[in-house]
Each structure stands twice: as C-alpha cells, then as structure tokens.
Amino acid sequence: MQVSDTEWSSKEKKIAQEAFNKAYKREVDALIKVIRHQASEIVELEDMWRLHDFLSARRHELDGKYDYRYSALIFVFSKLVKDGWLHLDELEGLDKDKLAKISVLLRM
C-alpha cells in the first residue's frame, strides 16, 4: 500500500489535525485518570518506582503512536480508530482513497 506520496489538501490537513488532536486529548485524558488513581494508591517507595516505570513506558508509546507526518497519518489514523481513540466518522471529508486505505488497514 503506497501512502508516502499521498497529497493532502488544505481542507484535509485541517480535518486531519482536528481528528489527531481529538484522539490525543482523549488518550491523554484517560491516561491522567489512570495516573491519578495509581498515584492515590502509592504507599511504599516501590509503588512510586512502579508508577515511574509505567509513565516512562506510556510516554514512549505515545511519542511513537502520535506521528503527525503526512506520510504516516493513514497508518496513525487506522491505529487510533482500531484502539478506540478516534472514530472513522471523525475523518469524514478526507479523500475517498485515504478513507479506503484506512478501512483496509482496520481489517488487518
């Protein structure tokens, strides 16, 4: 599937940025909720280090997942939809070929 040479119109760039930001905010908000809960249960030093390790792993995961290069967005969006952070209808307005590629990746 060739996506690296995909062109994005200014309208599509706006839709993509809004969808990307929504998904990121949803995931970060969910993560904050988990962190607050875990932090409230810290009793011993080991609990704190466990939270630190969790945060480090999640930061690495988020930094890798949220890649806003246009050459990667088709893959990013399919992953975000698959993971439940984004809904396919939030990508409405993108070119039909882009939506078809995202849909194919969802089935993989």
C-alpha atoms as a PDB file:
ATOM      1  CA  MET A   1       0.000   0.000   0.000  1.00  0.00           C
ATOM      2  CA  GLN A   2       1.649   3.185  -1.210  1.00  0.00           C
ATOM      3  CA  VAL A   3       0.883   6.127   1.071  1.00  0.00           C
ATOM      4  CA  SER A   4       4.147   8.048   1.278  1.00  0.00           C
ATOM      5  CA  ASP A   5       3.347  10.069  -1.860  1.00  0.00           C
ATOM      6  CA  THR A   6      -0.215  10.889  -0.812  1.00  0.00           C
ATOM      7  CA  GLU A   7      -1.096  14.561  -1.194  1.00  0.00           C
ATOM      8  CA  TRP A   8      -3.186  16.346   1.431  1.00  0.00           C
ATOM      9  CA  SER A   9      -5.389  19.306   0.529  1.00  0.00           C
ATOM     10  CA  SER A  10      -5.660  22.210   2.958  1.00  0.00           C
ATOM     11  CA  LYS A  11      -9.187  21.034   3.855  1.00  0.00           C
ATOM     12  CA  GLU A  12      -7.873  17.516   4.554  1.00  0.00           C
ATOM     13  CA  LYS A  13      -4.989  18.890   6.607  1.00  0.00           C
ATOM     14  CA  LYS A  14      -7.492  20.740   8.800  1.00  0.00           C
ATOM     15  CA  ILE A  15      -9.662  17.628   9.221  1.00  0.00           C
ATOM     16  CA  ALA A  16      -6.585  15.530   9.961  1.00  0.00           C
ATOM     17  CA  GLN A  17      -5.242  17.987  12.548  1.00  0.00           C
ATOM     18  CA  GLU A  18      -8.591  18.176  14.342  1.00  0.00           C
ATOM     19  CA  ALA A  19      -9.007  14.385  14.388  1.00  0.00           C
ATOM     20  CA  PHE A  20      -5.411  13.891  15.527  1.00  0.00           C
ATOM     21  CA  ASN A  21      -5.851  16.408  18.355  1.00  0.00           C
ATOM     22  CA  LYS A  22      -9.151  14.849  19.483  1.00  0.00           C
ATOM     23  CA  ALA A  23      -7.641  11.379  19.674  1.00  0.00           C
ATOM     24  CA  TYR A  24      -4.554  12.644  21.503  1.00  0.00           C
ATOM     25  CA  LYS A  25      -6.667  14.548  24.028  1.00  0.00           C
ATOM     26  CA  ARG A  26      -8.888  11.514  24.634  1.00  0.00           C
ATOM     27  CA  GLU A  27      -5.944   9.244  25.238  1.00  0.00           C
ATOM     28  CA  VAL A  28      -4.106  11.736  27.440  1.00  0.00           C
ATOM     29  CA  ASP A  29      -7.250  12.403  29.485  1.00  0.00           C
ATOM     30  CA  ALA A  30      -7.724   8.654  30.010  1.00  0.00           C
ATOM     31  CA  LEU A  31      -4.067   8.302  30.979  1.00  0.00           C
ATOM     32  CA  ILE A  32      -4.324  11.132  33.510  1.00  0.00           C
ATOM     33  CA  LYS A  33      -7.304   9.408  35.105  1.00  0.00           C
ATOM     34  CA  VAL A  34      -5.307   6.167  35.437  1.00  0.00           C
ATOM     35  CA  ILE A  35      -2.286   8.036  36.819  1.00  0.00           C
ATOM     36  CA  ARG A  36      -4.376   9.831  39.424  1.00  0.00           C
ATOM     37  CA  HIS A  37      -5.789   6.516  40.581  1.00  0.00           C
ATOM     38  CA  GLN A  38      -2.385   4.834  40.683  1.00  0.00           C
ATOM     39  CA  ALA A  39      -0.805   7.794  42.462  1.00  0.00           C
ATOM     40  CA  SER A  40      -3.509   7.730  45.113  1.00  0.00           C
ATOM     41  CA  GLU A  41      -2.517   4.148  45.923  1.00  0.00           C
ATOM     42  CA  ILE A  42       1.178   4.838  46.495  1.00  0.00           C
ATOM     43  CA  VAL A  43       2.134   3.529  49.912  1.00  0.00           C
ATOM     44  CA  GLU A  44       5.741   2.473  49.546  1.00  0.00           C
ATOM     45  CA  LEU A  45       8.741   3.651  47.574  1.00  0.00           C
ATOM     46  CA  GLU A  46       8.404   0.639  45.270  1.00  0.00           C
ATOM     47  CA  ASP A  47       4.892   1.818  44.332  1.00  0.00           C
ATOM     48  CA  MET A  48       6.348   5.140  43.247  1.00  0.00           C
ATOM     49  CA  TRP A  49       9.019   3.488  41.082  1.00  0.00           C
ATOM     50  CA  ARG A  50       6.357   1.264  39.535  1.00  0.00           C
ATOM     51  CA  LEU A  51       4.373   4.383  38.610  1.00  0.00           C
ATOM     52  CA  HIS A  52       7.535   5.964  37.219  1.00  0.00           C
ATOM     53  CA  ASP A  53       8.180   2.904  35.038  1.00  0.00           C
ATOM     54  CA  PHE A  54       4.564   2.919  33.863  1.00  0.00           C
ATOM     55  CA  LEU A  55       4.808   6.608  32.944  1.00  0.00           C
ATOM     56  CA  SER A  56       8.079   6.104  31.084  1.00  0.00           C
ATOM     57  CA  ALA A  57       6.613   3.254  29.049  1.00  0.00           C
ATOM     58  CA  ARG A  58       3.432   5.183  28.252  1.00  0.00           C
ATOM     59  CA  ARG A  59       5.415   8.266  27.200  1.00  0.00           C
ATOM     60  CA  HIS A  60       7.479   6.161  24.822  1.00  0.00           C
ATOM     61  CA  GLU A  61       4.306   4.560  23.443  1.00  0.00           C
ATOM     62  CA  LEU A  62       2.501   7.886  22.961  1.00  0.00           C
ATOM     63  CA  ASP A  63       5.520   9.549  21.352  1.00  0.00           C
ATOM     64  CA  GLY A  64       5.717   6.697  18.855  1.00  0.00           C
ATOM     65  CA  LYS A  65       1.997   6.481  18.166  1.00  0.00           C
ATOM     66  CA  TYR A  66       1.217  10.155  17.579  1.00  0.00           C
ATOM     67  CA  ASP A  67       3.311  10.832  14.490  1.00  0.00           C
ATOM     68  CA  TYR A  68       1.918  13.781  12.534  1.00  0.00           C
ATOM     69  CA  ARG A  69       3.949  13.344   9.386  1.00  0.00           C
ATOM     70  CA  TYR A  70       1.558  13.281   6.444  1.00  0.00           C
ATOM     71  CA  SER A  71       3.335  10.203   5.109  1.00  0.00           C
ATOM     72  CA  ALA A  72       2.381   8.346   8.303  1.00  0.00           C
ATOM     73  CA  LEU A  73      -1.117   9.678   9.015  1.00  0.00           C
ATOM     74  CA  ILE A  74      -3.009   6.907   7.194  1.00  0.00           C
ATOM     75  CA  PHE A  75      -1.326   4.352   9.477  1.00  0.00           C
ATOM     76  CA  VAL A  76      -1.697   6.555  12.555  1.00  0.00           C
ATOM     77  CA  PHE A  77      -5.403   7.068  11.941  1.00  0.00           C
ATOM     78  CA  SER A  78      -6.058   3.372  11.358  1.00  0.00           C
ATOM     79  CA  LYS A  79      -4.290   2.558  14.635  1.00  0.00           C
ATOM     80  CA  LEU A  80      -6.197   5.247  16.538  1.00  0.00           C
ATOM     81  CA  VAL A  81      -9.532   4.023  15.182  1.00  0.00           C
ATOM     82  CA  LYS A  82      -8.610   0.422  15.947  1.00  0.00           C
ATOM     83  CA  ASP A  83      -7.625   1.390  19.504  1.00  0.00           C
ATOM     84  CA  GLY A  84     -10.854   3.353  20.011  1.00  0.00           C
ATOM     85  CA  TRP A  85      -9.319   6.827  20.403  1.00  0.00           C
ATOM     86  CA  LEU A  86     -10.765   8.038  17.115  1.00  0.00           C
ATOM     87  CA  HIS A  87     -13.954   7.304  15.224  1.00  0.00           C
ATOM     88  CA  LEU A  88     -13.960   6.761  11.476  1.00  0.00           C
ATOM     89  CA  ASP A  89     -16.699   9.365  11.038  1.00  0.00           C
ATOM     90  CA  GLU A  90     -14.334  11.985  12.512  1.00  0.00           C
ATOM     91  CA  LEU A  91     -12.242  11.559   9.375  1.00  0.00           C
ATOM     92  CA  GLU A  92     -15.169  12.366   7.117  1.00  0.00           C
ATOM     93  CA  GLY A  93     -14.095  14.830   4.454  1.00  0.00           C
ATOM     94  CA  LEU A  94     -10.812  13.116   3.698  1.00  0.00           C
ATOM     95  CA  ASP A  95     -10.323  11.858   0.169  1.00  0.00           C
ATOM     96  CA  LYS A  96     -12.139   8.584  -0.564  1.00  0.00           C
ATOM     97  CA  ASP A  97      -8.841   6.847  -1.326  1.00  0.00           C
ATOM     98  CA  LYS A  98      -7.426   7.810   2.065  1.00  0.00           C
ATOM     99  CA  LEU A  99     -10.560   6.574   3.832  1.00  0.00           C
ATOM    100  CA  ALA A 100     -10.423   3.335   1.833  1.00  0.00           C
ATOM    101  CA  LYS A 101      -6.785   2.798   2.843  1.00  0.00           C
ATOM    102  CA  ILE A 102      -7.639   3.419   6.490  1.00  0.00           C
ATOM    103  CA  SER A 103     -10.551   0.964   6.241  1.00  0.00           C
ATOM    104  CA  VAL A 104      -8.312  -1.705   4.702  1.00  0.00           C
ATOM    105  CA  LEU A 105      -5.761  -1.262   7.481  1.00  0.00           C
ATOM    106  CA  LEU A 106      -8.524  -1.630  10.055  1.00  0.00           C
ATOM    107  CA  ARG A 107      -9.219  -5.131   8.778  1.00  0.00           C
ATOM    108  CA  MET A 108      -5.591  -6.208   9.081  1.00  0.00           C
END
